[in-house]
Amino acid sequence: MSTIISPSLLSANFADLEADIDMINRSEADWLHLDVMDGIFVPNISFGFPVMEAVSKICQKPLDVHFMIVHPERYIAQTAKLGAMMMNVHYEACTHLHRTVQEIHQAGMKAGVTINPATPVSLLEDIIGEVEMVLLMSVNPGFGGQTFIENTINKVKRLRKMIDDASLQTIIQVDGGVIEDTAKRLVDAGADSLVSGSYIFNSANPLETIAGLKRGFNPDGK
């Protein structure tokens, strides 16, 4: 099974978003990853609903929305109205995570939970069966273009075992520092989905870069 690729809009050219969305539509990307930052939970501000609404009208890929904000539960209805496929919230930002996951499902979306680099996967034991996806941050959230944190490989392996032992279908997604080398090692460790931003959008040929990530840089896709 090929890897689910979700290019990160954060690294796109915001002066010409339509061209970059057109590229995503023509590519082998599976989803489009939207990083929403509030300058409080993370030390940066990205974009909000006006940009996401504009993107949703022209993007033909499912929207994979990652909230790096405090109180993400306040925006469940708005996110569902966008037609988002996945709403992903941080474990560290949700006091009542189970309730938030329930509300995301009730709004008609799939639910994801993200953990920061210093948060152990063991803390997900009581929520793992309730979510469709876990996103492991392989950099500290808030900025694009950071260096991959090596311990993420071990975290993927531990999470893969947790999911397999419980006979779950939960997707493991990784975001941060995903390039050819790290992509291969993450997939070998058990990752199902990769988020990549600057590596794709700064590439001389983004379509080929996405195809390479999708196929594990094997031309035959085997």
N, C-alpha and C. Protein backbone atom coordinates (compact mmCIF):
# COMPACT_ATOMS: atom_id res chain seq x y z
N MET A 1 0.85 -1.19 0.00
CA MET A 1 0.00 0.00 0.00
C MET A 1 0.89 1.24 0.00
N SER A 2 0.60 2.17 -0.92
CA SER A 2 1.43 3.38 -1.01
C SER A 2 1.15 4.33 0.14
N THR A 3 2.12 5.16 0.41
CA THR A 3 2.04 6.10 1.52
C THR A 3 1.08 7.25 1.20
N ILE A 4 0.30 7.65 2.19
CA ILE A 4 -0.59 8.82 2.03
C ILE A 4 0.26 10.08 2.14
N ILE A 5 0.25 10.90 1.09
CA ILE A 5 1.05 12.14 1.08
C ILE A 5 0.13 13.35 1.23
N SER A 6 0.48 14.20 2.19
CA SER A 6 -0.33 15.39 2.49
C SER A 6 0.57 16.63 2.49
N PRO A 7 0.75 17.26 1.32
CA PRO A 7 1.60 18.46 1.26
C PRO A 7 1.06 19.57 2.17
N SER A 8 1.98 20.28 2.81
CA SER A 8 1.59 21.33 3.76
C SER A 8 1.48 22.68 3.07
N LEU A 9 0.28 23.26 3.12
CA LEU A 9 0.01 24.55 2.50
C LEU A 9 0.89 25.66 3.07
N LEU A 10 1.39 25.46 4.29
CA LEU A 10 2.19 26.48 4.96
C LEU A 10 3.41 26.89 4.13
N SER A 11 3.91 25.98 3.29
CA SER A 11 5.10 26.27 2.50
C SER A 11 4.78 26.71 1.07
N ALA A 12 3.51 26.86 0.76
CA ALA A 12 3.11 27.29 -0.58
C ALA A 12 3.41 28.78 -0.79
N ASN A 13 3.28 29.22 -2.02
CA ASN A 13 3.48 30.63 -2.37
C ASN A 13 2.16 31.37 -2.17
N PHE A 14 2.05 32.12 -1.10
CA PHE A 14 0.79 32.78 -0.77
C PHE A 14 0.49 33.96 -1.70
N ALA A 15 1.45 34.36 -2.51
CA ALA A 15 1.21 35.40 -3.51
C ALA A 15 0.54 34.80 -4.75
N ASP A 16 0.57 33.48 -4.86
CA ASP A 16 -0.05 32.80 -6.00
C ASP A 16 -0.54 31.42 -5.56
N LEU A 17 -1.43 31.43 -4.57
CA LEU A 17 -1.92 30.16 -4.02
C LEU A 17 -2.65 29.33 -5.06
N GLU A 18 -3.34 29.98 -5.97
CA GLU A 18 -4.12 29.24 -6.95
C GLU A 18 -3.23 28.33 -7.81
N ALA A 19 -2.04 28.84 -8.17
CA ALA A 19 -1.11 28.03 -8.97
C ALA A 19 -0.63 26.81 -8.19
N ASP A 20 -0.32 27.01 -6.90
CA ASP A 20 0.15 25.89 -6.10
C ASP A 20 -0.97 24.88 -5.82
N ILE A 21 -2.19 25.34 -5.64
CA ILE A 21 -3.32 24.42 -5.45
C ILE A 21 -3.57 23.63 -6.74
N ASP A 22 -3.42 24.31 -7.88
CA ASP A 22 -3.57 23.62 -9.16
C ASP A 22 -2.53 22.50 -9.29
N MET A 23 -1.29 22.79 -8.84
CA MET A 23 -0.25 21.76 -8.86
C MET A 23 -0.63 20.58 -7.98
N ILE A 24 -1.16 20.86 -6.79
CA ILE A 24 -1.59 19.79 -5.87
C ILE A 24 -2.71 18.97 -6.52
N ASN A 25 -3.64 19.65 -7.15
CA ASN A 25 -4.75 18.94 -7.81
C ASN A 25 -4.25 17.98 -8.89
N ARG A 26 -3.20 18.37 -9.59
CA ARG A 26 -2.67 17.54 -10.68
C ARG A 26 -1.70 16.46 -10.18
N SER A 27 -1.30 16.58 -8.94
CA SER A 27 -0.27 15.68 -8.39
C SER A 27 -0.86 14.38 -7.87
N GLU A 28 0.04 13.51 -7.40
CA GLU A 28 -0.38 12.26 -6.78
C GLU A 28 -0.62 12.41 -5.27
N ALA A 29 -0.63 13.64 -4.79
CA ALA A 29 -0.92 13.88 -3.37
C ALA A 29 -2.31 13.34 -3.04
N ASP A 30 -2.45 12.84 -1.83
CA ASP A 30 -3.74 12.30 -1.39
C ASP A 30 -4.61 13.35 -0.72
N TRP A 31 -3.98 14.16 0.13
CA TRP A 31 -4.68 15.18 0.90
C TRP A 31 -3.92 16.50 0.79
N LEU A 32 -4.52 17.57 1.31
CA LEU A 32 -3.82 18.85 1.50
C LEU A 32 -3.83 19.17 2.99
N HIS A 33 -2.64 19.38 3.55
CA HIS A 33 -2.48 19.62 4.98
C HIS A 33 -2.52 21.11 5.26
N LEU A 34 -3.42 21.52 6.15
CA LEU A 34 -3.57 22.94 6.50
C LEU A 34 -3.17 23.14 7.96
N ASP A 35 -2.09 23.88 8.19
CA ASP A 35 -1.59 24.15 9.54
C ASP A 35 -2.14 25.47 10.05
N VAL A 36 -3.02 25.41 11.03
CA VAL A 36 -3.61 26.62 11.61
C VAL A 36 -2.89 26.94 12.92
N MET A 37 -2.25 28.12 12.99
CA MET A 37 -1.46 28.52 14.16
C MET A 37 -1.99 29.84 14.72
N ASP A 38 -1.99 29.96 16.05
CA ASP A 38 -2.61 31.12 16.68
C ASP A 38 -1.64 32.08 17.37
N GLY A 39 -0.34 31.75 17.38
CA GLY A 39 0.61 32.62 18.08
C GLY A 39 0.55 32.49 19.60
N ILE A 40 -0.26 31.56 20.08
CA ILE A 40 -0.39 31.32 21.53
C ILE A 40 0.09 29.91 21.85
N PHE A 41 -0.56 28.91 21.25
CA PHE A 41 -0.12 27.52 21.45
C PHE A 41 1.25 27.29 20.82
N VAL A 42 1.48 27.93 19.68
CA VAL A 42 2.79 27.89 19.01
C VAL A 42 3.23 29.33 18.74
N PRO A 43 4.56 29.58 18.64
CA PRO A 43 5.06 30.95 18.50
C PRO A 43 5.00 31.49 17.08
N ASN A 44 3.88 31.32 16.42
CA ASN A 44 3.73 31.84 15.06
C ASN A 44 2.25 31.93 14.75
N ILE A 45 1.91 32.71 13.74
CA ILE A 45 0.53 32.81 13.25
C ILE A 45 0.57 32.45 11.77
N SER A 46 -0.32 31.57 11.32
CA SER A 46 -0.29 31.16 9.92
C SER A 46 -1.45 31.79 9.14
N PHE A 47 -2.58 31.11 9.10
CA PHE A 47 -3.75 31.61 8.36
C PHE A 47 -5.00 31.11 9.06
N GLY A 48 -6.12 31.70 8.70
CA GLY A 48 -7.38 31.33 9.33
C GLY A 48 -8.44 30.94 8.32
N PHE A 49 -9.69 31.09 8.70
CA PHE A 49 -10.80 30.59 7.88
C PHE A 49 -10.98 31.30 6.54
N PRO A 50 -10.72 32.61 6.41
CA PRO A 50 -10.86 33.20 5.07
C PRO A 50 -9.96 32.53 4.03
N VAL A 51 -8.71 32.23 4.40
CA VAL A 51 -7.81 31.55 3.48
C VAL A 51 -8.28 30.11 3.25
N MET A 52 -8.66 29.42 4.32
CA MET A 52 -9.10 28.03 4.17
C MET A 52 -10.37 27.92 3.33
N GLU A 53 -11.28 28.88 3.47
CA GLU A 53 -12.49 28.87 2.65
C GLU A 53 -12.15 29.04 1.17
N ALA A 54 -11.21 29.94 0.87
CA ALA A 54 -10.80 30.15 -0.52
C ALA A 54 -10.15 28.90 -1.08
N VAL A 55 -9.30 28.27 -0.27
CA VAL A 55 -8.61 27.04 -0.70
C VAL A 55 -9.62 25.91 -0.92
N SER A 56 -10.58 25.81 -0.05
CA SER A 56 -11.55 24.70 -0.14
C SER A 56 -12.37 24.75 -1.43
N LYS A 57 -12.51 25.92 -1.98
CA LYS A 57 -13.30 26.07 -3.21
C LYS A 57 -12.56 25.60 -4.46
N ILE A 58 -11.22 25.58 -4.39
CA ILE A 58 -10.46 25.20 -5.59
C ILE A 58 -9.65 23.92 -5.42
N CYS A 59 -9.50 23.46 -4.18
CA CYS A 59 -8.72 22.24 -3.96
C CYS A 59 -9.59 21.01 -4.15
N GLN A 60 -9.10 20.07 -4.97
CA GLN A 60 -9.85 18.86 -5.25
C GLN A 60 -9.45 17.69 -4.33
N LYS A 61 -8.47 17.94 -3.46
CA LYS A 61 -8.02 16.90 -2.53
C LYS A 61 -8.72 17.08 -1.18
N PRO A 62 -8.92 16.01 -0.42
CA PRO A 62 -9.48 16.13 0.92
C PRO A 62 -8.61 17.03 1.80
N LEU A 63 -9.26 17.84 2.62
CA LEU A 63 -8.54 18.76 3.50
C LEU A 63 -8.23 18.10 4.84
N ASP A 64 -6.95 18.12 5.18
CA ASP A 64 -6.39 17.52 6.39
C ASP A 64 -5.98 18.69 7.29
N VAL A 65 -6.90 19.11 8.17
CA VAL A 65 -6.72 20.37 8.91
C VAL A 65 -6.11 20.11 10.29
N HIS A 66 -4.97 20.71 10.54
CA HIS A 66 -4.20 20.52 11.77
C HIS A 66 -4.21 21.81 12.57
N PHE A 67 -4.93 21.80 13.70
CA PHE A 67 -5.04 22.98 14.55
C PHE A 67 -3.96 23.01 15.61
N MET A 68 -3.03 23.96 15.50
CA MET A 68 -2.02 24.20 16.52
C MET A 68 -2.43 25.45 17.29
N ILE A 69 -3.57 25.31 17.99
CA ILE A 69 -4.17 26.46 18.66
C ILE A 69 -4.74 26.03 20.01
N VAL A 70 -4.97 27.03 20.86
CA VAL A 70 -5.70 26.77 22.09
C VAL A 70 -7.20 26.72 21.76
N HIS A 71 -7.95 25.95 22.51
CA HIS A 71 -9.40 25.82 22.35
C HIS A 71 -9.84 25.47 20.93
N PRO A 72 -9.27 24.44 20.32
CA PRO A 72 -9.69 24.08 18.96
C PRO A 72 -11.16 23.66 18.88
N GLU A 73 -11.71 23.24 20.04
CA GLU A 73 -13.10 22.79 20.04
C GLU A 73 -14.07 23.91 19.63
N ARG A 74 -13.64 25.16 19.75
CA ARG A 74 -14.50 26.28 19.37
C ARG A 74 -14.73 26.37 17.87
N TYR A 75 -13.91 25.67 17.10
CA TYR A 75 -13.93 25.85 15.63
C TYR A 75 -14.36 24.58 14.89
N ILE A 76 -14.96 23.64 15.61
CA ILE A 76 -15.38 22.39 14.99
C ILE A 76 -16.44 22.63 13.91
N ALA A 77 -17.47 23.41 14.24
CA ALA A 77 -18.56 23.65 13.27
C ALA A 77 -18.04 24.37 12.04
N GLN A 78 -17.18 25.37 12.22
CA GLN A 78 -16.63 26.11 11.09
C GLN A 78 -15.77 25.22 10.20
N THR A 79 -15.02 24.33 10.83
CA THR A 79 -14.15 23.42 10.07
C THR A 79 -14.99 22.43 9.27
N ALA A 80 -16.03 21.94 9.87
CA ALA A 80 -16.93 21.02 9.16
C ALA A 80 -17.60 21.73 7.98
N LYS A 81 -17.93 23.00 8.16
CA LYS A 81 -18.58 23.78 7.09
C LYS A 81 -17.67 23.93 5.87
N LEU A 82 -16.36 23.91 6.11
CA LEU A 82 -15.39 23.97 5.01
C LEU A 82 -15.45 22.73 4.13
N GLY A 83 -15.99 21.64 4.69
CA GLY A 83 -15.95 20.36 4.02
C GLY A 83 -14.70 19.58 4.34
N ALA A 84 -14.03 19.93 5.45
CA ALA A 84 -12.79 19.25 5.83
C ALA A 84 -13.04 17.76 6.06
N MET A 85 -12.08 16.95 5.61
CA MET A 85 -12.15 15.51 5.82
C MET A 85 -11.68 15.14 7.23
N MET A 86 -10.59 15.79 7.67
CA MET A 86 -9.95 15.46 8.95
C MET A 86 -9.77 16.73 9.77
N MET A 87 -10.16 16.68 11.05
CA MET A 87 -9.82 17.76 11.98
C MET A 87 -8.90 17.18 13.03
N ASN A 88 -7.71 17.74 13.10
CA ASN A 88 -6.66 17.21 13.96
C ASN A 88 -6.34 18.23 15.06
N VAL A 89 -6.41 17.80 16.31
CA VAL A 89 -6.16 18.70 17.44
C VAL A 89 -5.00 18.16 18.28
N HIS A 90 -4.36 19.05 19.02
CA HIS A 90 -3.22 18.64 19.85
C HIS A 90 -3.68 18.08 21.19
N TYR A 91 -3.09 16.96 21.55
CA TYR A 91 -3.30 16.38 22.88
C TYR A 91 -3.02 17.44 23.95
N GLU A 92 -1.96 18.22 23.75
CA GLU A 92 -1.51 19.19 24.75
C GLU A 92 -2.45 20.40 24.86
N ALA A 93 -3.33 20.59 23.86
CA ALA A 93 -4.19 21.77 23.84
C ALA A 93 -5.61 21.47 24.32
N CYS A 94 -5.92 20.19 24.51
CA CYS A 94 -7.31 19.80 24.82
C CYS A 94 -7.43 19.23 26.22
N THR A 95 -8.05 19.99 27.10
CA THR A 95 -8.29 19.51 28.46
C THR A 95 -9.25 18.32 28.45
N HIS A 96 -10.27 18.41 27.59
CA HIS A 96 -11.28 17.34 27.48
C HIS A 96 -11.19 16.75 26.08
N LEU A 97 -10.13 16.02 25.83
CA LEU A 97 -9.85 15.50 24.49
C LEU A 97 -10.93 14.55 24.00
N HIS A 98 -11.39 13.65 24.85
CA HIS A 98 -12.41 12.69 24.42
C HIS A 98 -13.67 13.40 23.95
N ARG A 99 -14.09 14.41 24.68
CA ARG A 99 -15.28 15.18 24.29
C ARG A 99 -15.06 15.87 22.95
N THR A 100 -13.88 16.44 22.76
CA THR A 100 -13.57 17.13 21.50
C THR A 100 -13.61 16.16 20.33
N VAL A 101 -13.04 14.97 20.52
CA VAL A 101 -13.05 13.95 19.47
C VAL A 101 -14.49 13.55 19.14
N GLN A 102 -15.32 13.38 20.16
CA GLN A 102 -16.73 13.04 19.93
C GLN A 102 -17.42 14.12 19.11
N GLU A 103 -17.15 15.39 19.44
CA GLU A 103 -17.80 16.50 18.74
C GLU A 103 -17.32 16.60 17.29
N ILE A 104 -16.07 16.28 17.04
CA ILE A 104 -15.55 16.26 15.66
C ILE A 104 -16.28 15.20 14.85
N HIS A 105 -16.47 14.03 15.43
CA HIS A 105 -17.20 12.96 14.76
C HIS A 105 -18.66 13.34 14.53
N GLN A 106 -19.27 13.95 15.53
CA GLN A 106 -20.67 14.35 15.39
C GLN A 106 -20.86 15.39 14.29
N ALA A 107 -19.79 16.16 14.01
CA ALA A 107 -19.85 17.17 12.95
C ALA A 107 -19.61 16.56 11.57
N GLY A 108 -19.32 15.25 11.52
CA GLY A 108 -19.18 14.56 10.25
C GLY A 108 -17.76 14.44 9.72
N MET A 109 -16.78 14.74 10.57
CA MET A 109 -15.38 14.65 10.14
C MET A 109 -14.66 13.49 10.82
N LYS A 110 -13.54 13.10 10.24
CA LYS A 110 -12.64 12.18 10.91
C LYS A 110 -11.85 12.98 11.95
N ALA A 111 -11.44 12.29 13.02
CA ALA A 111 -10.73 12.96 14.10
C ALA A 111 -9.29 12.49 14.18
N GLY A 112 -8.39 13.45 14.35
CA GLY A 112 -6.99 13.15 14.56
C GLY A 112 -6.49 13.79 15.83
N VAL A 113 -5.47 13.21 16.43
CA VAL A 113 -4.84 13.81 17.60
C VAL A 113 -3.34 13.89 17.32
N THR A 114 -2.77 15.06 17.64
CA THR A 114 -1.34 15.31 17.42
C THR A 114 -0.61 15.36 18.75
N ILE A 115 0.63 14.86 18.77
CA ILE A 115 1.47 15.03 19.95
C ILE A 115 2.79 15.68 19.56
N ASN A 116 3.27 16.54 20.44
CA ASN A 116 4.54 17.24 20.26
C ASN A 116 5.72 16.28 20.48
N PRO A 117 6.92 16.69 20.07
CA PRO A 117 8.09 15.81 20.19
C PRO A 117 8.36 15.27 21.60
N ALA A 118 8.08 16.06 22.63
CA ALA A 118 8.38 15.63 24.00
C ALA A 118 7.24 14.86 24.66
N THR A 119 6.11 14.69 23.96
CA THR A 119 4.97 13.99 24.52
C THR A 119 5.06 12.51 24.16
N PRO A 120 5.05 11.60 25.14
CA PRO A 120 5.18 10.17 24.85
C PRO A 120 3.92 9.58 24.24
N VAL A 121 4.09 8.60 23.36
CA VAL A 121 2.93 7.97 22.73
C VAL A 121 2.09 7.19 23.74
N SER A 122 2.67 6.81 24.86
CA SER A 122 1.93 6.05 25.88
C SER A 122 0.72 6.82 26.40
N LEU A 123 0.75 8.15 26.33
CA LEU A 123 -0.37 8.96 26.81
C LEU A 123 -1.61 8.83 25.92
N LEU A 124 -1.44 8.20 24.76
CA LEU A 124 -2.56 8.05 23.83
C LEU A 124 -3.35 6.76 24.06
N GLU A 125 -2.93 5.96 25.03
CA GLU A 125 -3.51 4.63 25.23
C GLU A 125 -5.03 4.65 25.33
N ASP A 126 -5.59 5.66 26.01
CA ASP A 126 -7.03 5.67 26.25
C ASP A 126 -7.82 6.44 25.20
N ILE A 127 -7.16 6.98 24.17
CA ILE A 127 -7.87 7.70 23.11
C ILE A 127 -7.60 7.08 21.74
N ILE A 128 -6.60 6.23 21.64
CA ILE A 128 -6.15 5.71 20.34
C ILE A 128 -7.27 5.00 19.58
N GLY A 129 -8.17 4.35 20.31
CA GLY A 129 -9.26 3.62 19.66
C GLY A 129 -10.40 4.51 19.20
N GLU A 130 -10.34 5.79 19.56
CA GLU A 130 -11.42 6.72 19.22
C GLU A 130 -11.10 7.61 18.03
N VAL A 131 -9.86 7.60 17.58
CA VAL A 131 -9.45 8.52 16.51
C VAL A 131 -9.05 7.74 15.25
N GLU A 132 -9.20 8.41 14.12
CA GLU A 132 -8.80 7.79 12.85
C GLU A 132 -7.32 7.97 12.55
N MET A 133 -6.69 8.97 13.20
CA MET A 133 -5.29 9.24 12.89
C MET A 133 -4.57 9.84 14.10
N VAL A 134 -3.28 9.49 14.23
CA VAL A 134 -2.38 10.15 15.18
C VAL A 134 -1.28 10.80 14.37
N LEU A 135 -1.03 12.08 14.64
CA LEU A 135 0.05 12.82 13.99
C LEU A 135 1.19 13.01 14.99
N LEU A 136 2.35 12.50 14.63
CA LEU A 136 3.54 12.71 15.44
C LEU A 136 4.33 13.87 14.87
N MET A 137 4.56 14.91 15.68
CA MET A 137 5.38 16.02 15.23
C MET A 137 6.85 15.62 15.33
N SER A 138 7.54 15.70 14.20
CA SER A 138 8.97 15.35 14.17
C SER A 138 9.85 16.58 14.18
N VAL A 139 9.23 17.74 14.41
CA VAL A 139 9.91 19.00 14.73
C VAL A 139 9.04 19.68 15.78
N ASN A 140 9.55 20.72 16.41
CA ASN A 140 8.72 21.48 17.33
C ASN A 140 7.76 22.35 16.52
N PRO A 141 6.47 22.27 16.80
CA PRO A 141 5.49 22.95 15.95
C PRO A 141 5.60 24.47 16.01
N GLY A 142 5.28 25.10 14.89
CA GLY A 142 5.25 26.55 14.84
C GLY A 142 5.98 27.16 13.67
N PHE A 143 6.91 26.43 13.07
CA PHE A 143 7.68 26.96 11.95
C PHE A 143 7.94 25.86 10.93
N GLY A 144 8.03 26.23 9.66
CA GLY A 144 8.40 25.29 8.63
C GLY A 144 9.90 25.19 8.48
N GLY A 145 10.37 24.16 7.78
CA GLY A 145 11.78 24.05 7.42
C GLY A 145 12.73 23.66 8.53
N GLN A 146 12.21 23.04 9.60
CA GLN A 146 13.08 22.66 10.72
C GLN A 146 13.74 21.29 10.49
N THR A 147 14.77 21.03 11.31
CA THR A 147 15.50 19.76 11.21
C THR A 147 14.74 18.63 11.90
N PHE A 148 14.70 17.50 11.26
CA PHE A 148 14.01 16.31 11.75
C PHE A 148 14.58 15.84 13.09
N ILE A 149 13.70 15.52 14.04
CA ILE A 149 14.11 15.00 15.35
C ILE A 149 14.19 13.48 15.27
N GLU A 150 15.39 12.94 15.44
CA GLU A 150 15.64 11.52 15.21
C GLU A 150 14.80 10.57 16.06
N ASN A 151 14.49 10.98 17.27
CA ASN A 151 13.72 10.10 18.17
C ASN A 151 12.34 9.76 17.61
N THR A 152 11.91 10.52 16.59
CA THR A 152 10.59 10.25 16.00
C THR A 152 10.51 8.84 15.44
N ILE A 153 11.62 8.32 14.93
CA ILE A 153 11.62 6.96 14.39
C ILE A 153 11.20 5.96 15.47
N ASN A 154 11.76 6.11 16.67
CA ASN A 154 11.40 5.23 17.78
C ASN A 154 9.95 5.41 18.19
N LYS A 155 9.47 6.65 18.15
CA LYS A 155 8.07 6.91 18.51
C LYS A 155 7.12 6.25 17.53
N VAL A 156 7.47 6.30 16.24
CA VAL A 156 6.64 5.64 15.24
C VAL A 156 6.56 4.14 15.52
N LYS A 157 7.70 3.53 15.84
CA LYS A 157 7.73 2.10 16.12
C LYS A 157 6.86 1.75 17.34
N ARG A 158 6.95 2.57 18.39
CA ARG A 158 6.15 2.31 19.58
C ARG A 158 4.66 2.48 19.30
N LEU A 159 4.32 3.50 18.53
CA LEU A 159 2.93 3.74 18.19
C LEU A 159 2.39 2.64 17.27
N ARG A 160 3.22 2.19 16.32
CA ARG A 160 2.82 1.10 15.43
C ARG A 160 2.47 -0.15 16.23
N LYS A 161 3.29 -0.45 17.23
CA LYS A 161 3.04 -1.62 18.08
C LYS A 161 1.75 -1.46 18.87
N MET A 162 1.52 -0.26 19.40
CA MET A 162 0.31 0.00 20.17
C MET A 162 -0.93 -0.21 19.30
N ILE A 163 -0.88 0.29 18.07
CA ILE A 163 -2.02 0.16 17.15
C ILE A 163 -2.23 -1.29 16.74
N ASP A 164 -1.14 -1.96 16.38
CA ASP A 164 -1.25 -3.34 15.93
C ASP A 164 -1.70 -4.28 17.05
N ASP A 165 -1.18 -4.04 18.26
CA ASP A 165 -1.57 -4.88 19.40
C ASP A 165 -3.05 -4.77 19.72
N ALA A 166 -3.62 -3.59 19.43
CA ALA A 166 -5.05 -3.37 19.69
C ALA A 166 -5.91 -3.68 18.47
N SER A 167 -5.27 -4.16 17.38
CA SER A 167 -5.98 -4.50 16.13
C SER A 167 -6.79 -3.32 15.60
N LEU A 168 -6.17 -2.14 15.62
CA LEU A 168 -6.82 -0.93 15.14
C LEU A 168 -6.34 -0.59 13.73
N GLN A 169 -7.08 0.30 13.07
CA GLN A 169 -6.73 0.76 11.72
C GLN A 169 -6.23 2.21 11.73
N THR A 170 -5.91 2.72 12.90
CA THR A 170 -5.51 4.12 13.06
C THR A 170 -4.29 4.46 12.19
N ILE A 171 -4.39 5.55 11.46
CA ILE A 171 -3.31 6.01 10.58
C ILE A 171 -2.25 6.72 11.41
N ILE A 172 -0.99 6.43 11.13
CA ILE A 172 0.13 7.18 11.74
C ILE A 172 0.64 8.18 10.72
N GLN A 173 0.54 9.44 11.06
CA GLN A 173 1.05 10.51 10.20
C GLN A 173 2.23 11.19 10.89
N VAL A 174 3.21 11.63 10.10
CA VAL A 174 4.37 12.33 10.64
C VAL A 174 4.55 13.65 9.91
N ASP A 175 4.86 14.70 10.66
CA ASP A 175 5.01 16.04 10.09
C ASP A 175 6.28 16.69 10.63
N GLY A 176 7.16 17.11 9.71
CA GLY A 176 8.35 17.87 10.10
C GLY A 176 9.63 17.26 9.59
N GLY A 177 10.35 17.98 8.74
CA GLY A 177 11.64 17.50 8.26
C GLY A 177 11.55 16.27 7.37
N VAL A 178 10.40 16.11 6.70
CA VAL A 178 10.22 14.94 5.83
C VAL A 178 10.85 15.20 4.47
N ILE A 179 11.93 14.49 4.20
CA ILE A 179 12.63 14.53 2.91
C ILE A 179 12.85 13.09 2.47
N GLU A 180 13.58 12.87 1.40
CA GLU A 180 13.72 11.50 0.87
C GLU A 180 14.24 10.53 1.93
N ASP A 181 15.32 10.87 2.60
CA ASP A 181 15.92 9.96 3.56
C ASP A 181 15.00 9.68 4.75
N THR A 182 14.47 10.74 5.36
CA THR A 182 13.62 10.54 6.54
C THR A 182 12.31 9.86 6.15
N ALA A 183 11.79 10.15 4.96
CA ALA A 183 10.54 9.52 4.50
C ALA A 183 10.69 8.01 4.46
N LYS A 184 11.77 7.54 3.88
CA LYS A 184 12.00 6.09 3.79
C LYS A 184 12.05 5.45 5.16
N ARG A 185 12.78 6.08 6.08
CA ARG A 185 12.94 5.50 7.41
C ARG A 185 11.63 5.54 8.20
N LEU A 186 10.84 6.58 8.02
CA LEU A 186 9.57 6.68 8.72
C LEU A 186 8.59 5.61 8.24
N VAL A 187 8.53 5.41 6.94
CA VAL A 187 7.64 4.38 6.39
C VAL A 187 8.10 2.99 6.83
N ASP A 188 9.39 2.75 6.82
CA ASP A 188 9.93 1.46 7.29
C ASP A 188 9.59 1.22 8.76
N ALA A 189 9.51 2.30 9.54
CA ALA A 189 9.21 2.18 10.97
C ALA A 189 7.72 1.96 11.23
N GLY A 190 6.89 2.25 10.21
CA GLY A 190 5.46 2.01 10.38
C GLY A 190 4.55 3.18 10.10
N ALA A 191 5.07 4.30 9.59
CA ALA A 191 4.23 5.45 9.28
C ALA A 191 3.38 5.18 8.05
N ASP A 192 2.14 5.68 8.05
CA ASP A 192 1.22 5.50 6.93
C ASP A 192 1.09 6.75 6.08
N SER A 193 1.33 7.91 6.69
CA SER A 193 1.09 9.19 6.02
C SER A 193 2.20 10.16 6.35
N LEU A 194 2.62 10.94 5.35
CA LEU A 194 3.70 11.91 5.53
C LEU A 194 3.23 13.30 5.12
N VAL A 195 3.52 14.26 5.98
CA VAL A 195 3.29 15.67 5.67
C VAL A 195 4.64 16.27 5.28
N SER A 196 4.67 16.97 4.17
CA SER A 196 5.90 17.60 3.73
C SER A 196 5.58 18.96 3.14
N GLY A 197 6.36 19.97 3.55
CA GLY A 197 6.08 21.32 3.10
C GLY A 197 7.15 21.88 2.19
N SER A 198 8.19 22.43 2.79
CA SER A 198 9.24 23.09 2.01
C SER A 198 9.92 22.13 1.05
N TYR A 199 10.06 20.86 1.42
CA TYR A 199 10.70 19.88 0.54
C TYR A 199 9.93 19.73 -0.77
N ILE A 200 8.60 19.83 -0.70
CA ILE A 200 7.77 19.74 -1.91
C ILE A 200 7.73 21.07 -2.64
N PHE A 201 7.34 22.13 -1.94
CA PHE A 201 7.07 23.40 -2.62
C PHE A 201 8.33 24.12 -3.09
N ASN A 202 9.48 23.82 -2.47
CA ASN A 202 10.74 24.41 -2.92
C ASN A 202 11.46 23.54 -3.94
N SER A 203 10.86 22.41 -4.29
CA SER A 203 11.47 21.48 -5.24
C SER A 203 11.43 22.06 -6.65
N ALA A 204 12.42 21.69 -7.45
CA ALA A 204 12.44 22.10 -8.86
C ALA A 204 11.29 21.47 -9.62
N ASN A 205 10.85 20.29 -9.17
CA ASN A 205 9.72 19.61 -9.79
C ASN A 205 8.84 19.02 -8.69
N PRO A 206 7.92 19.82 -8.15
CA PRO A 206 7.07 19.34 -7.04
C PRO A 206 6.26 18.09 -7.37
N LEU A 207 5.82 17.96 -8.61
CA LEU A 207 5.03 16.78 -8.99
C LEU A 207 5.85 15.51 -8.85
N GLU A 208 7.12 15.56 -9.29
CA GLU A 208 8.00 14.41 -9.16
C GLU A 208 8.34 14.13 -7.70
N THR A 209 8.52 15.20 -6.92
CA THR A 209 8.85 15.03 -5.50
C THR A 209 7.70 14.35 -4.76
N ILE A 210 6.48 14.77 -5.05
CA ILE A 210 5.31 14.13 -4.44
C ILE A 210 5.22 12.67 -4.86
N ALA A 211 5.44 12.41 -6.15
CA ALA A 211 5.40 11.02 -6.64
C ALA A 211 6.46 10.17 -5.97
N GLY A 212 7.66 10.75 -5.75
CA GLY A 212 8.72 10.02 -5.07
C GLY A 212 8.36 9.67 -3.64
N LEU A 213 7.80 10.63 -2.91
CA LEU A 213 7.35 10.37 -1.54
C LEU A 213 6.26 9.30 -1.53
N LYS A 214 5.37 9.38 -2.49
CA LYS A 214 4.24 8.46 -2.57
C LYS A 214 4.72 7.02 -2.79
N ARG A 215 5.72 6.88 -3.63
CA ARG A 215 6.18 5.54 -4.02
C ARG A 215 7.45 5.10 -3.30
N GLY A 216 7.87 5.88 -2.31
CA GLY A 216 9.08 5.52 -1.61
C GLY A 216 10.32 5.63 -2.49
N PHE A 217 10.25 6.52 -3.50
CA PHE A 217 11.36 6.76 -4.42
C PHE A 217 11.74 5.51 -5.21
N ASN A 218 10.75 4.63 -5.36
CA ASN A 218 10.90 3.45 -6.20
C ASN A 218 10.13 3.72 -7.49
N PRO A 219 10.80 3.83 -8.65
CA PRO A 219 10.12 4.19 -9.89
C PRO A 219 8.97 3.25 -10.26
N ASP A 220 9.07 2.00 -9.82
CA ASP A 220 8.03 1.02 -10.14
C ASP A 220 6.85 1.06 -9.16
N GLY A 221 7.04 1.84 -8.07
CA GLY A 221 5.98 1.95 -7.09
C GLY A 221 5.70 0.69 -6.33
N LYS A 222 6.68 -0.22 -6.28
CA LYS A 222 6.47 -1.50 -5.59
C LYS A 222 7.01 -1.46 -4.17
